[in-house]
Amino acid sequence: MANFNFQIIRVTPDDKQRIGAFLHVAYYPDDPILNAMNVKKADPSQDEHELGIIDEGYSYAAVDDDGVILGILLMGEVNRDTYSDRRKEMETCSSEYFLKVLKFYETMELGAKILEVSQNDKGIEFHVAAVLPTARRKGIMRALFQHGTEVAKNNGYKLLICTCASQFTANLCQSLQWSCVYCQPYIYFEQDGERVFKNPTPPHLYPRIYTRYL
């Protein structure tokens, strides 16, 4: 790890194309949510959703000396309007599986009631975190989380939020002393009387929401 060089740079809307390509290599194939739903290929509506986070200006990437993206952390603000905006997105979503994903996140968020409990009007959420398969276990995601924490603090935010679909992300939050405020087994999520996640893959059996106060 000592000889593994990378730097963290801010991601801009000009980077959306290559971030999109990165998602299809390093994020979607290992996403426990998509795997538990047997989704083999992400829908363009999900790409649009994830890449839209970049427009908020709080997203970062770890790159090597040649500028190759090794890891990403897409962050955005959560406020009192976020959940109504999510509802509007669901009303226009044309992808059957991604609509279920959005409803899943809504269920988690409504269950946790983070803003109400924290008495904060807003916070920064770590939405998408991923590292290239060949660059994992080298401290990249930890460095991105630590950098994102400093960015949030420097911009006046007092609350950090991370919904962890992956057990590995949950382990990282735990090691960084974030607090788990919501947890429910994948197999308990139902929509229209049917189980949404029929094949959760160990160790990713319990999605969690973690928070940290700054």
N, C-alpha and C. Protein backbone atom coordinates (compact mmCIF):
# COMPACT_ATOMS: atom_id res chain seq x y z
N MET A 1 0.82 -1.20 0.00
CA MET A 1 0.00 0.00 0.00
C MET A 1 0.86 1.26 0.00
N ALA A 2 2.02 1.17 0.64
CA ALA A 2 2.89 2.34 0.75
C ALA A 2 3.35 2.83 -0.62
N ASN A 3 3.49 1.93 -1.59
CA ASN A 3 3.98 2.31 -2.91
C ASN A 3 2.84 2.58 -3.89
N PHE A 4 1.61 2.55 -3.40
CA PHE A 4 0.46 2.75 -4.28
C PHE A 4 0.10 4.23 -4.27
N ASN A 5 0.36 4.92 -5.37
CA ASN A 5 0.17 6.36 -5.42
C ASN A 5 -1.18 6.73 -6.03
N PHE A 6 -1.86 7.65 -5.40
CA PHE A 6 -3.08 8.21 -5.98
C PHE A 6 -3.31 9.58 -5.35
N GLN A 7 -4.06 10.37 -6.06
CA GLN A 7 -4.47 11.67 -5.53
C GLN A 7 -5.97 11.81 -5.68
N ILE A 8 -6.56 12.67 -4.87
CA ILE A 8 -8.00 12.88 -4.89
C ILE A 8 -8.32 14.21 -5.57
N ILE A 9 -9.18 14.16 -6.57
CA ILE A 9 -9.54 15.36 -7.33
C ILE A 9 -11.06 15.54 -7.31
N ARG A 10 -11.50 16.78 -7.50
CA ARG A 10 -12.93 17.04 -7.56
C ARG A 10 -13.47 16.64 -8.93
N VAL A 11 -14.63 16.02 -8.94
CA VAL A 11 -15.29 15.62 -10.17
C VAL A 11 -16.21 16.74 -10.63
N THR A 12 -16.21 17.03 -11.92
CA THR A 12 -17.05 18.08 -12.49
C THR A 12 -18.01 17.46 -13.52
N PRO A 13 -19.03 18.20 -13.95
CA PRO A 13 -19.94 17.68 -14.97
C PRO A 13 -19.22 17.23 -16.25
N ASP A 14 -18.06 17.81 -16.54
CA ASP A 14 -17.29 17.39 -17.71
C ASP A 14 -16.79 15.95 -17.60
N ASP A 15 -16.79 15.42 -16.37
CA ASP A 15 -16.28 14.07 -16.14
C ASP A 15 -17.37 13.01 -16.19
N LYS A 16 -18.61 13.41 -16.48
CA LYS A 16 -19.72 12.46 -16.39
C LYS A 16 -19.55 11.24 -17.28
N GLN A 17 -19.03 11.42 -18.49
CA GLN A 17 -18.91 10.29 -19.40
C GLN A 17 -17.97 9.23 -18.84
N ARG A 18 -16.83 9.66 -18.35
CA ARG A 18 -15.89 8.65 -17.85
C ARG A 18 -16.30 8.12 -16.48
N ILE A 19 -17.01 8.93 -15.68
CA ILE A 19 -17.55 8.40 -14.43
C ILE A 19 -18.63 7.36 -14.73
N GLY A 20 -19.44 7.64 -15.76
CA GLY A 20 -20.46 6.68 -16.17
C GLY A 20 -19.84 5.35 -16.58
N ALA A 21 -18.77 5.42 -17.35
CA ALA A 21 -18.07 4.19 -17.76
C ALA A 21 -17.51 3.46 -16.55
N PHE A 22 -17.00 4.23 -15.58
CA PHE A 22 -16.45 3.64 -14.36
C PHE A 22 -17.54 2.90 -13.58
N LEU A 23 -18.72 3.48 -13.49
CA LEU A 23 -19.82 2.85 -12.76
C LEU A 23 -20.13 1.45 -13.31
N HIS A 24 -20.05 1.31 -14.63
CA HIS A 24 -20.39 0.03 -15.25
C HIS A 24 -19.29 -1.02 -15.07
N VAL A 25 -18.13 -0.59 -14.62
CA VAL A 25 -17.03 -1.52 -14.38
C VAL A 25 -16.86 -1.81 -12.89
N ALA A 26 -16.98 -0.77 -12.07
CA ALA A 26 -16.60 -0.90 -10.66
C ALA A 26 -17.75 -0.79 -9.67
N TYR A 27 -18.94 -0.42 -10.13
CA TYR A 27 -20.04 -0.20 -9.20
C TYR A 27 -21.21 -1.17 -9.44
N TYR A 28 -21.83 -1.07 -10.60
CA TYR A 28 -23.01 -1.89 -10.86
C TYR A 28 -22.77 -3.40 -10.76
N PRO A 29 -21.66 -3.93 -11.30
CA PRO A 29 -21.48 -5.39 -11.25
C PRO A 29 -21.44 -5.95 -9.84
N ASP A 30 -21.01 -5.14 -8.86
CA ASP A 30 -20.88 -5.62 -7.49
C ASP A 30 -21.95 -5.04 -6.56
N ASP A 31 -22.91 -4.31 -7.11
CA ASP A 31 -23.93 -3.69 -6.28
C ASP A 31 -24.83 -4.77 -5.68
N PRO A 32 -24.85 -4.91 -4.35
CA PRO A 32 -25.68 -5.95 -3.73
C PRO A 32 -27.17 -5.81 -4.06
N ILE A 33 -27.63 -4.57 -4.28
CA ILE A 33 -29.05 -4.36 -4.59
C ILE A 33 -29.39 -4.96 -5.95
N LEU A 34 -28.59 -4.63 -6.96
CA LEU A 34 -28.86 -5.15 -8.30
C LEU A 34 -28.68 -6.66 -8.34
N ASN A 35 -27.66 -7.15 -7.65
CA ASN A 35 -27.43 -8.60 -7.64
C ASN A 35 -28.58 -9.35 -6.97
N ALA A 36 -29.13 -8.78 -5.89
CA ALA A 36 -30.23 -9.42 -5.18
C ALA A 36 -31.52 -9.38 -5.98
N MET A 37 -31.57 -8.50 -7.00
CA MET A 37 -32.74 -8.42 -7.87
C MET A 37 -32.49 -9.12 -9.21
N ASN A 38 -31.30 -9.73 -9.35
CA ASN A 38 -30.92 -10.42 -10.59
C ASN A 38 -30.90 -9.48 -11.79
N VAL A 39 -30.51 -8.22 -11.55
CA VAL A 39 -30.38 -7.25 -12.64
C VAL A 39 -28.98 -7.37 -13.21
N LYS A 40 -28.88 -7.65 -14.48
CA LYS A 40 -27.59 -7.89 -15.11
C LYS A 40 -26.98 -6.62 -15.72
N LYS A 41 -27.83 -5.64 -16.04
CA LYS A 41 -27.33 -4.43 -16.67
C LYS A 41 -28.13 -3.23 -16.18
N ALA A 42 -27.43 -2.18 -15.76
CA ALA A 42 -28.10 -0.99 -15.24
C ALA A 42 -28.85 -0.26 -16.34
N ASP A 43 -30.00 0.28 -15.99
CA ASP A 43 -30.83 1.04 -16.93
C ASP A 43 -30.29 2.46 -17.06
N PRO A 44 -30.44 3.09 -18.24
CA PRO A 44 -30.00 4.48 -18.40
C PRO A 44 -30.59 5.44 -17.38
N SER A 45 -31.80 5.14 -16.88
CA SER A 45 -32.40 6.02 -15.87
C SER A 45 -31.60 6.00 -14.58
N GLN A 46 -30.97 4.87 -14.27
CA GLN A 46 -30.13 4.82 -13.08
C GLN A 46 -28.84 5.59 -13.31
N ASP A 47 -28.27 5.47 -14.50
CA ASP A 47 -27.10 6.27 -14.85
C ASP A 47 -27.39 7.76 -14.68
N GLU A 48 -28.53 8.18 -15.20
CA GLU A 48 -28.90 9.59 -15.12
C GLU A 48 -29.03 10.04 -13.67
N HIS A 49 -29.62 9.19 -12.86
CA HIS A 49 -29.79 9.50 -11.44
C HIS A 49 -28.44 9.64 -10.74
N GLU A 50 -27.58 8.64 -10.90
CA GLU A 50 -26.29 8.65 -10.21
C GLU A 50 -25.40 9.80 -10.69
N LEU A 51 -25.33 9.99 -12.00
CA LEU A 51 -24.45 11.03 -12.55
C LEU A 51 -24.99 12.43 -12.24
N GLY A 52 -26.29 12.55 -12.02
CA GLY A 52 -26.85 13.85 -11.68
C GLY A 52 -26.33 14.39 -10.37
N ILE A 53 -25.87 13.50 -9.48
CA ILE A 53 -25.31 13.92 -8.20
C ILE A 53 -24.09 14.81 -8.40
N ILE A 54 -23.35 14.57 -9.48
CA ILE A 54 -22.13 15.33 -9.76
C ILE A 54 -22.41 16.82 -9.90
N ASP A 55 -23.60 17.16 -10.37
CA ASP A 55 -23.94 18.57 -10.60
C ASP A 55 -23.91 19.40 -9.31
N GLU A 56 -24.00 18.74 -8.15
CA GLU A 56 -24.00 19.48 -6.90
C GLU A 56 -22.61 19.97 -6.50
N GLY A 57 -21.57 19.42 -7.12
CA GLY A 57 -20.22 19.94 -6.89
C GLY A 57 -19.48 19.37 -5.70
N TYR A 58 -20.00 18.26 -5.12
CA TYR A 58 -19.35 17.69 -3.94
C TYR A 58 -18.78 16.29 -4.18
N SER A 59 -18.55 15.94 -5.44
CA SER A 59 -18.10 14.59 -5.75
C SER A 59 -16.60 14.55 -6.05
N TYR A 60 -15.98 13.41 -5.72
CA TYR A 60 -14.53 13.30 -5.84
C TYR A 60 -14.13 11.94 -6.40
N ALA A 61 -12.93 11.92 -6.96
CA ALA A 61 -12.38 10.68 -7.50
C ALA A 61 -10.93 10.55 -7.08
N ALA A 62 -10.51 9.32 -6.88
CA ALA A 62 -9.09 9.03 -6.66
C ALA A 62 -8.52 8.59 -8.00
N VAL A 63 -7.43 9.21 -8.41
CA VAL A 63 -6.82 8.89 -9.71
C VAL A 63 -5.34 8.56 -9.52
N ASP A 64 -4.81 7.75 -10.43
CA ASP A 64 -3.39 7.42 -10.35
C ASP A 64 -2.57 8.48 -11.08
N ASP A 65 -1.27 8.23 -11.21
CA ASP A 65 -0.38 9.23 -11.81
C ASP A 65 -0.70 9.50 -13.27
N ASP A 66 -1.41 8.59 -13.92
CA ASP A 66 -1.80 8.77 -15.33
C ASP A 66 -3.21 9.34 -15.47
N GLY A 67 -3.84 9.64 -14.35
CA GLY A 67 -5.19 10.19 -14.39
C GLY A 67 -6.28 9.16 -14.50
N VAL A 68 -5.93 7.89 -14.39
CA VAL A 68 -6.93 6.81 -14.44
C VAL A 68 -7.73 6.80 -13.14
N ILE A 69 -9.05 6.73 -13.24
CA ILE A 69 -9.91 6.72 -12.06
C ILE A 69 -9.79 5.37 -11.34
N LEU A 70 -9.45 5.44 -10.07
CA LEU A 70 -9.34 4.23 -9.25
C LEU A 70 -10.54 4.07 -8.32
N GLY A 71 -11.12 5.19 -7.91
CA GLY A 71 -12.25 5.15 -7.00
C GLY A 71 -13.05 6.44 -7.07
N ILE A 72 -14.32 6.37 -6.69
CA ILE A 72 -15.17 7.57 -6.71
C ILE A 72 -15.99 7.65 -5.44
N LEU A 73 -16.34 8.87 -5.07
CA LEU A 73 -17.30 9.13 -4.00
C LEU A 73 -18.19 10.27 -4.48
N LEU A 74 -19.44 9.93 -4.81
CA LEU A 74 -20.40 10.93 -5.27
C LEU A 74 -21.25 11.36 -4.09
N MET A 75 -21.17 12.65 -3.76
CA MET A 75 -21.85 13.18 -2.58
C MET A 75 -22.84 14.27 -2.99
N GLY A 76 -23.89 14.42 -2.20
CA GLY A 76 -24.86 15.47 -2.47
C GLY A 76 -25.59 15.87 -1.20
N GLU A 77 -26.24 17.01 -1.26
CA GLU A 77 -26.96 17.51 -0.09
C GLU A 77 -28.31 16.80 0.09
N VAL A 78 -28.63 16.51 1.33
CA VAL A 78 -29.95 16.02 1.71
C VAL A 78 -30.60 17.12 2.54
N ASN A 79 -31.83 17.50 2.16
CA ASN A 79 -32.55 18.53 2.91
C ASN A 79 -34.03 18.17 2.98
N ARG A 80 -34.84 19.10 3.47
CA ARG A 80 -36.27 18.81 3.67
C ARG A 80 -37.00 18.56 2.35
N ASP A 81 -36.43 19.03 1.24
CA ASP A 81 -37.08 18.84 -0.06
C ASP A 81 -36.65 17.57 -0.77
N THR A 82 -35.62 16.93 -0.26
CA THR A 82 -35.04 15.78 -0.95
C THR A 82 -36.06 14.66 -1.16
N TYR A 83 -36.85 14.38 -0.15
CA TYR A 83 -37.75 13.23 -0.22
C TYR A 83 -38.92 13.49 -1.16
N SER A 84 -39.39 14.75 -1.22
CA SER A 84 -40.44 15.07 -2.18
C SER A 84 -39.89 15.02 -3.60
N ASP A 85 -38.62 15.40 -3.77
CA ASP A 85 -37.99 15.31 -5.09
C ASP A 85 -37.85 13.85 -5.50
N ARG A 86 -37.54 12.97 -4.55
CA ARG A 86 -37.44 11.54 -4.83
C ARG A 86 -38.79 10.99 -5.28
N ARG A 87 -39.86 11.47 -4.63
CA ARG A 87 -41.20 11.02 -5.01
C ARG A 87 -41.52 11.43 -6.43
N LYS A 88 -41.13 12.64 -6.83
CA LYS A 88 -41.38 13.11 -8.19
C LYS A 88 -40.60 12.25 -9.19
N GLU A 89 -39.37 11.87 -8.81
CA GLU A 89 -38.56 11.02 -9.68
C GLU A 89 -39.22 9.66 -9.85
N MET A 90 -39.80 9.14 -8.80
CA MET A 90 -40.47 7.84 -8.88
C MET A 90 -41.69 7.90 -9.80
N GLU A 91 -42.38 9.03 -9.78
CA GLU A 91 -43.59 9.17 -10.60
C GLU A 91 -43.27 9.14 -12.10
N THR A 92 -42.05 9.52 -12.47
CA THR A 92 -41.68 9.58 -13.89
C THR A 92 -40.71 8.47 -14.29
N CYS A 93 -40.32 7.61 -13.35
CA CYS A 93 -39.35 6.56 -13.65
C CYS A 93 -39.97 5.50 -14.56
N SER A 94 -39.28 5.19 -15.65
CA SER A 94 -39.80 4.21 -16.62
C SER A 94 -39.17 2.83 -16.45
N SER A 95 -38.19 2.72 -15.56
CA SER A 95 -37.51 1.44 -15.34
C SER A 95 -38.15 0.70 -14.18
N GLU A 96 -38.65 -0.49 -14.43
CA GLU A 96 -39.34 -1.26 -13.39
C GLU A 96 -38.42 -1.55 -12.21
N TYR A 97 -37.20 -2.02 -12.47
CA TYR A 97 -36.32 -2.38 -11.37
C TYR A 97 -35.80 -1.14 -10.64
N PHE A 98 -35.49 -0.05 -11.39
CA PHE A 98 -34.96 1.13 -10.71
C PHE A 98 -36.03 1.81 -9.89
N LEU A 99 -37.28 1.72 -10.29
CA LEU A 99 -38.37 2.24 -9.47
C LEU A 99 -38.40 1.50 -8.12
N LYS A 100 -38.17 0.20 -8.16
CA LYS A 100 -38.12 -0.57 -6.91
C LYS A 100 -36.93 -0.13 -6.06
N VAL A 101 -35.81 0.19 -6.70
CA VAL A 101 -34.64 0.67 -5.97
C VAL A 101 -34.95 2.00 -5.28
N LEU A 102 -35.60 2.91 -6.00
CA LEU A 102 -35.94 4.21 -5.43
C LEU A 102 -36.91 4.04 -4.25
N LYS A 103 -37.86 3.12 -4.39
CA LYS A 103 -38.81 2.87 -3.30
C LYS A 103 -38.09 2.25 -2.10
N PHE A 104 -37.10 1.41 -2.38
CA PHE A 104 -36.30 0.83 -1.30
C PHE A 104 -35.59 1.91 -0.51
N TYR A 105 -34.95 2.86 -1.20
CA TYR A 105 -34.27 3.95 -0.51
C TYR A 105 -35.26 4.81 0.27
N GLU A 106 -36.43 5.02 -0.30
CA GLU A 106 -37.45 5.80 0.40
C GLU A 106 -37.85 5.11 1.70
N THR A 107 -38.04 3.79 1.64
CA THR A 107 -38.40 3.03 2.83
C THR A 107 -37.33 3.16 3.91
N MET A 108 -36.07 3.06 3.51
CA MET A 108 -34.96 3.21 4.46
C MET A 108 -34.97 4.60 5.08
N GLU A 109 -35.12 5.62 4.22
CA GLU A 109 -35.06 7.00 4.70
C GLU A 109 -36.22 7.34 5.63
N LEU A 110 -37.41 6.89 5.27
CA LEU A 110 -38.57 7.16 6.11
C LEU A 110 -38.46 6.43 7.44
N GLY A 111 -37.87 5.23 7.40
CA GLY A 111 -37.69 4.48 8.63
C GLY A 111 -36.69 5.12 9.57
N ALA A 112 -35.63 5.66 9.01
CA ALA A 112 -34.57 6.26 9.83
C ALA A 112 -34.95 7.64 10.36
N LYS A 113 -35.73 8.41 9.58
CA LYS A 113 -36.13 9.77 9.97
C LYS A 113 -34.93 10.60 10.44
N ILE A 114 -33.90 10.61 9.61
CA ILE A 114 -32.63 11.18 10.04
C ILE A 114 -32.72 12.67 10.35
N LEU A 115 -33.30 13.45 9.46
CA LEU A 115 -33.36 14.89 9.69
C LEU A 115 -34.20 15.21 10.92
N GLU A 116 -35.30 14.49 11.10
CA GLU A 116 -36.14 14.74 12.26
C GLU A 116 -35.41 14.41 13.56
N VAL A 117 -34.76 13.26 13.57
CA VAL A 117 -34.06 12.82 14.78
C VAL A 117 -32.87 13.71 15.08
N SER A 118 -32.13 14.08 14.03
CA SER A 118 -30.91 14.87 14.21
C SER A 118 -31.20 16.34 14.46
N GLN A 119 -32.42 16.78 14.11
CA GLN A 119 -32.80 18.19 14.21
C GLN A 119 -31.92 19.07 13.34
N ASN A 120 -31.45 18.51 12.23
CA ASN A 120 -30.72 19.26 11.22
C ASN A 120 -31.62 19.47 10.02
N ASP A 121 -31.52 20.64 9.39
CA ASP A 121 -32.32 20.91 8.20
C ASP A 121 -31.68 20.33 6.94
N LYS A 122 -30.39 19.97 7.04
CA LYS A 122 -29.70 19.45 5.86
C LYS A 122 -28.46 18.67 6.30
N GLY A 123 -27.94 17.92 5.36
CA GLY A 123 -26.71 17.17 5.60
C GLY A 123 -26.10 16.80 4.26
N ILE A 124 -24.94 16.17 4.31
CA ILE A 124 -24.29 15.66 3.10
C ILE A 124 -24.39 14.13 3.11
N GLU A 125 -24.88 13.58 2.00
CA GLU A 125 -24.99 12.13 1.90
C GLU A 125 -23.93 11.58 0.96
N PHE A 126 -23.26 10.53 1.40
CA PHE A 126 -22.32 9.79 0.55
C PHE A 126 -23.16 8.80 -0.26
N HIS A 127 -23.50 9.17 -1.48
CA HIS A 127 -24.46 8.40 -2.28
C HIS A 127 -23.84 7.17 -2.95
N VAL A 128 -22.74 7.38 -3.67
CA VAL A 128 -22.13 6.30 -4.45
C VAL A 128 -20.65 6.21 -4.11
N ALA A 129 -20.22 5.04 -3.68
CA ALA A 129 -18.82 4.81 -3.34
C ALA A 129 -18.36 3.53 -4.03
N ALA A 130 -17.30 3.62 -4.80
CA ALA A 130 -16.84 2.44 -5.54
C ALA A 130 -15.36 2.55 -5.84
N VAL A 131 -14.69 1.42 -5.90
CA VAL A 131 -13.27 1.35 -6.22
C VAL A 131 -13.07 0.30 -7.31
N LEU A 132 -12.19 0.59 -8.24
CA LEU A 132 -11.85 -0.35 -9.31
C LEU A 132 -11.43 -1.69 -8.68
N PRO A 133 -11.91 -2.81 -9.21
CA PRO A 133 -11.57 -4.11 -8.61
C PRO A 133 -10.08 -4.33 -8.39
N THR A 134 -9.25 -3.88 -9.33
CA THR A 134 -7.80 -4.09 -9.21
C THR A 134 -7.15 -3.15 -8.20
N ALA A 135 -7.91 -2.17 -7.68
CA ALA A 135 -7.33 -1.19 -6.75
C ALA A 135 -7.91 -1.29 -5.35
N ARG A 136 -8.65 -2.35 -5.09
CA ARG A 136 -9.28 -2.48 -3.77
C ARG A 136 -8.28 -2.95 -2.71
N ARG A 137 -8.64 -2.70 -1.46
CA ARG A 137 -7.81 -3.05 -0.30
C ARG A 137 -6.49 -2.28 -0.28
N LYS A 138 -6.52 -1.07 -0.79
CA LYS A 138 -5.33 -0.23 -0.80
C LYS A 138 -5.57 1.12 -0.12
N GLY A 139 -6.67 1.24 0.61
CA GLY A 139 -6.95 2.45 1.37
C GLY A 139 -7.61 3.57 0.60
N ILE A 140 -8.04 3.28 -0.63
CA ILE A 140 -8.61 4.34 -1.47
C ILE A 140 -9.96 4.82 -0.94
N MET A 141 -10.85 3.90 -0.62
CA MET A 141 -12.17 4.31 -0.15
C MET A 141 -12.09 5.01 1.20
N ARG A 142 -11.23 4.54 2.05
CA ARG A 142 -11.04 5.21 3.35
C ARG A 142 -10.57 6.65 3.13
N ALA A 143 -9.63 6.83 2.21
CA ALA A 143 -9.13 8.17 1.92
C ALA A 143 -10.23 9.06 1.34
N LEU A 144 -11.07 8.49 0.48
CA LEU A 144 -12.17 9.26 -0.09
C LEU A 144 -13.19 9.65 0.98
N PHE A 145 -13.49 8.75 1.89
CA PHE A 145 -14.43 9.07 2.97
C PHE A 145 -13.85 10.16 3.87
N GLN A 146 -12.59 10.07 4.17
CA GLN A 146 -11.96 11.08 5.02
C GLN A 146 -11.93 12.44 4.32
N HIS A 147 -11.66 12.42 3.02
CA HIS A 147 -11.65 13.66 2.24
C HIS A 147 -13.06 14.24 2.17
N GLY A 148 -14.06 13.39 1.91
CA GLY A 148 -15.43 13.86 1.85
C GLY A 148 -15.90 14.46 3.16
N THR A 149 -15.44 13.89 4.27
CA THR A 149 -15.79 14.42 5.58
C THR A 149 -15.24 15.83 5.76
N GLU A 150 -14.00 16.04 5.33
CA GLU A 150 -13.39 17.37 5.44
C GLU A 150 -14.11 18.37 4.53
N VAL A 151 -14.49 17.94 3.34
CA VAL A 151 -15.21 18.82 2.41
C VAL A 151 -16.53 19.25 3.03
N ALA A 152 -17.27 18.30 3.60
CA ALA A 152 -18.55 18.62 4.24
C ALA A 152 -18.35 19.60 5.39
N LYS A 153 -17.34 19.34 6.21
CA LYS A 153 -17.06 20.21 7.35
C LYS A 153 -16.70 21.62 6.89
N ASN A 154 -15.88 21.72 5.86
CA ASN A 154 -15.45 23.02 5.36
C ASN A 154 -16.58 23.80 4.71
N ASN A 155 -17.64 23.09 4.31
CA ASN A 155 -18.80 23.75 3.70
C ASN A 155 -19.93 23.98 4.70
N GLY A 156 -19.63 23.79 5.96
CA GLY A 156 -20.57 24.13 7.01
C GLY A 156 -21.61 23.08 7.35
N TYR A 157 -21.46 21.86 6.84
CA TYR A 157 -22.42 20.81 7.16
C TYR A 157 -22.08 20.16 8.50
N LYS A 158 -23.11 19.81 9.24
CA LYS A 158 -22.93 19.21 10.56
C LYS A 158 -23.30 17.73 10.59
N LEU A 159 -23.90 17.25 9.49
CA LEU A 159 -24.42 15.89 9.46
C LEU A 159 -23.97 15.17 8.20
N LEU A 160 -23.44 13.97 8.37
CA LEU A 160 -23.09 13.08 7.26
C LEU A 160 -24.01 11.87 7.29
N ILE A 161 -24.38 11.39 6.08
CA ILE A 161 -25.28 10.25 5.96
C ILE A 161 -24.72 9.28 4.91
N CYS A 162 -24.80 8.00 5.19
CA CYS A 162 -24.40 7.01 4.19
C CYS A 162 -25.32 5.79 4.30
N THR A 163 -26.07 5.53 3.22
CA THR A 163 -26.88 4.32 3.16
C THR A 163 -26.02 3.22 2.56
N CYS A 164 -25.74 2.21 3.35
CA CYS A 164 -24.79 1.16 2.96
C CYS A 164 -25.53 -0.07 2.45
N ALA A 165 -25.53 -0.25 1.15
CA ALA A 165 -26.08 -1.48 0.58
C ALA A 165 -25.10 -2.63 0.76
N SER A 166 -23.82 -2.29 0.83
CA SER A 166 -22.75 -3.28 0.93
C SER A 166 -22.25 -3.42 2.37
N GLN A 167 -21.99 -4.64 2.77
CA GLN A 167 -21.41 -4.88 4.08
C GLN A 167 -20.02 -4.26 4.19
N PHE A 168 -19.30 -4.22 3.07
CA PHE A 168 -17.95 -3.66 3.10
C PHE A 168 -17.99 -2.16 3.40
N THR A 169 -18.96 -1.45 2.82
CA THR A 169 -19.10 -0.03 3.11
C THR A 169 -19.52 0.18 4.56
N ALA A 170 -20.41 -0.68 5.04
CA ALA A 170 -20.81 -0.61 6.45
C ALA A 170 -19.61 -0.83 7.37
N ASN A 171 -18.75 -1.76 7.02
CA ASN A 171 -17.55 -2.01 7.83
C ASN A 171 -16.66 -0.77 7.88
N LEU A 172 -16.56 -0.07 6.73
CA LEU A 172 -15.74 1.14 6.69
C LEU A 172 -16.35 2.22 7.57
N CYS A 173 -17.66 2.42 7.46
CA CYS A 173 -18.31 3.42 8.31
C CYS A 173 -18.09 3.10 9.78
N GLN A 174 -18.22 1.84 10.12
CA GLN A 174 -18.03 1.42 11.51
C GLN A 174 -16.61 1.72 11.97
N SER A 175 -15.62 1.43 11.12
CA SER A 175 -14.23 1.66 11.50
C SER A 175 -13.89 3.14 11.63
N LEU A 176 -14.67 3.99 10.93
CA LEU A 176 -14.47 5.44 11.01
C LEU A 176 -15.33 6.07 12.09
N GLN A 177 -15.97 5.22 12.89
CA GLN A 177 -16.76 5.64 14.06
C GLN A 177 -18.04 6.39 13.68
N TRP A 178 -18.63 6.02 12.54
CA TRP A 178 -19.97 6.48 12.24
C TRP A 178 -20.94 5.64 13.07
N SER A 179 -22.18 6.10 13.20
CA SER A 179 -23.18 5.39 14.00
C SER A 179 -24.25 4.79 13.11
N CYS A 180 -24.58 3.53 13.33
CA CYS A 180 -25.66 2.88 12.58
C CYS A 180 -27.00 3.30 13.19
N VAL A 181 -27.86 3.90 12.36
CA VAL A 181 -29.14 4.40 12.87
C VAL A 181 -30.33 3.64 12.29
N TYR A 182 -30.08 2.76 11.32
CA TYR A 182 -31.17 1.98 10.75
C TYR A 182 -30.60 0.73 10.09
N CYS A 183 -31.28 -0.40 10.31
CA CYS A 183 -30.84 -1.66 9.71
C CYS A 183 -32.05 -2.57 9.54
N GLN A 184 -32.16 -3.18 8.37
CA GLN A 184 -33.26 -4.12 8.12
C GLN A 184 -32.79 -5.15 7.10
N PRO A 185 -33.02 -6.42 7.33
CA PRO A 185 -32.59 -7.44 6.37
C PRO A 185 -33.20 -7.23 4.99
N TYR A 186 -32.43 -7.51 3.97
CA TYR A 186 -32.94 -7.39 2.60
C TYR A 186 -34.22 -8.21 2.40
N ILE A 187 -34.28 -9.37 3.00
CA ILE A 187 -35.40 -10.26 2.75
C ILE A 187 -36.71 -9.73 3.33
N TYR A 188 -36.65 -8.70 4.17
CA TYR A 188 -37.87 -8.13 4.76
C TYR A 188 -38.52 -7.07 3.89
N PHE A 189 -37.83 -6.61 2.85
CA PHE A 189 -38.38 -5.56 2.00
C PHE A 189 -39.38 -6.14 1.02
N GLU A 190 -40.60 -5.63 1.07
CA GLU A 190 -41.65 -6.07 0.15
C GLU A 190 -42.32 -4.88 -0.52
N GLN A 191 -42.73 -5.07 -1.75
CA GLN A 191 -43.50 -4.06 -2.49
C GLN A 191 -44.62 -4.78 -3.22
N ASP A 192 -45.82 -4.28 -3.06
CA ASP A 192 -47.01 -4.89 -3.67
C ASP A 192 -47.14 -6.36 -3.29
N GLY A 193 -46.80 -6.66 -2.04
CA GLY A 193 -46.97 -8.01 -1.52
C GLY A 193 -45.91 -9.01 -1.95
N GLU A 194 -44.88 -8.54 -2.65
CA GLU A 194 -43.82 -9.45 -3.10
C GLU A 194 -42.47 -9.03 -2.53
N ARG A 195 -41.64 -10.02 -2.27
CA ARG A 195 -40.30 -9.74 -1.79
C ARG A 195 -39.48 -9.13 -2.90
N VAL A 196 -38.81 -8.02 -2.61
CA VAL A 196 -38.06 -7.30 -3.64
C VAL A 196 -36.72 -7.96 -3.91
N PHE A 197 -36.01 -8.31 -2.85
CA PHE A 197 -34.66 -8.85 -2.99
C PHE A 197 -34.68 -10.35 -2.69
N LYS A 198 -34.76 -11.14 -3.75
CA LYS A 198 -34.96 -12.57 -3.59
C LYS A 198 -33.66 -13.34 -3.42
N ASN A 199 -32.55 -12.74 -3.82
CA ASN A 199 -31.28 -13.47 -3.74
C ASN A 199 -30.16 -12.62 -3.17
N PRO A 200 -30.31 -12.10 -1.94
CA PRO A 200 -29.21 -11.35 -1.35
C PRO A 200 -28.00 -12.25 -1.16
N THR A 201 -26.83 -11.72 -1.47
CA THR A 201 -25.60 -12.51 -1.46
C THR A 201 -24.76 -12.19 -0.23
N PRO A 202 -24.43 -13.19 0.58
CA PRO A 202 -23.55 -12.94 1.73
C PRO A 202 -22.23 -12.34 1.28
N PRO A 203 -21.66 -11.41 2.05
CA PRO A 203 -22.13 -10.99 3.38
C PRO A 203 -23.12 -9.82 3.36
N HIS A 204 -23.63 -9.49 2.16
CA HIS A 204 -24.47 -8.30 2.02
C HIS A 204 -25.94 -8.66 2.28
N LEU A 205 -26.27 -8.83 3.55
CA LEU A 205 -27.61 -9.28 3.92
C LEU A 205 -28.43 -8.21 4.64
N TYR A 206 -27.76 -7.16 5.12
CA TYR A 206 -28.42 -6.14 5.93
C TYR A 206 -28.04 -4.74 5.46
N PRO A 207 -28.87 -4.08 4.67
CA PRO A 207 -28.58 -2.68 4.34
C PRO A 207 -28.72 -1.83 5.60
N ARG A 208 -27.86 -0.85 5.73
CA ARG A 208 -27.84 -0.01 6.92
C ARG A 208 -27.71 1.46 6.53
N ILE A 209 -28.16 2.32 7.43
CA ILE A 209 -27.88 3.75 7.29
C ILE A 209 -26.98 4.16 8.44
N TYR A 210 -25.88 4.81 8.09
CA TYR A 210 -24.95 5.33 9.08
C TYR A 210 -24.95 6.85 9.04
N THR A 211 -24.72 7.47 10.20
CA THR A 211 -24.59 8.92 10.26
C THR A 211 -23.36 9.29 11.09
N ARG A 212 -22.94 10.52 10.87
CA ARG A 212 -21.85 11.07 11.70
C ARG A 212 -22.10 12.56 11.84
N TYR A 213 -21.91 13.05 13.06
CA TYR A 213 -22.07 14.48 13.34
C TYR A 213 -20.70 15.15 13.39
N LEU A 214 -20.62 16.31 12.76
CA LEU A 214 -19.35 17.03 12.68
C LEU A 214 -19.32 18.21 13.66
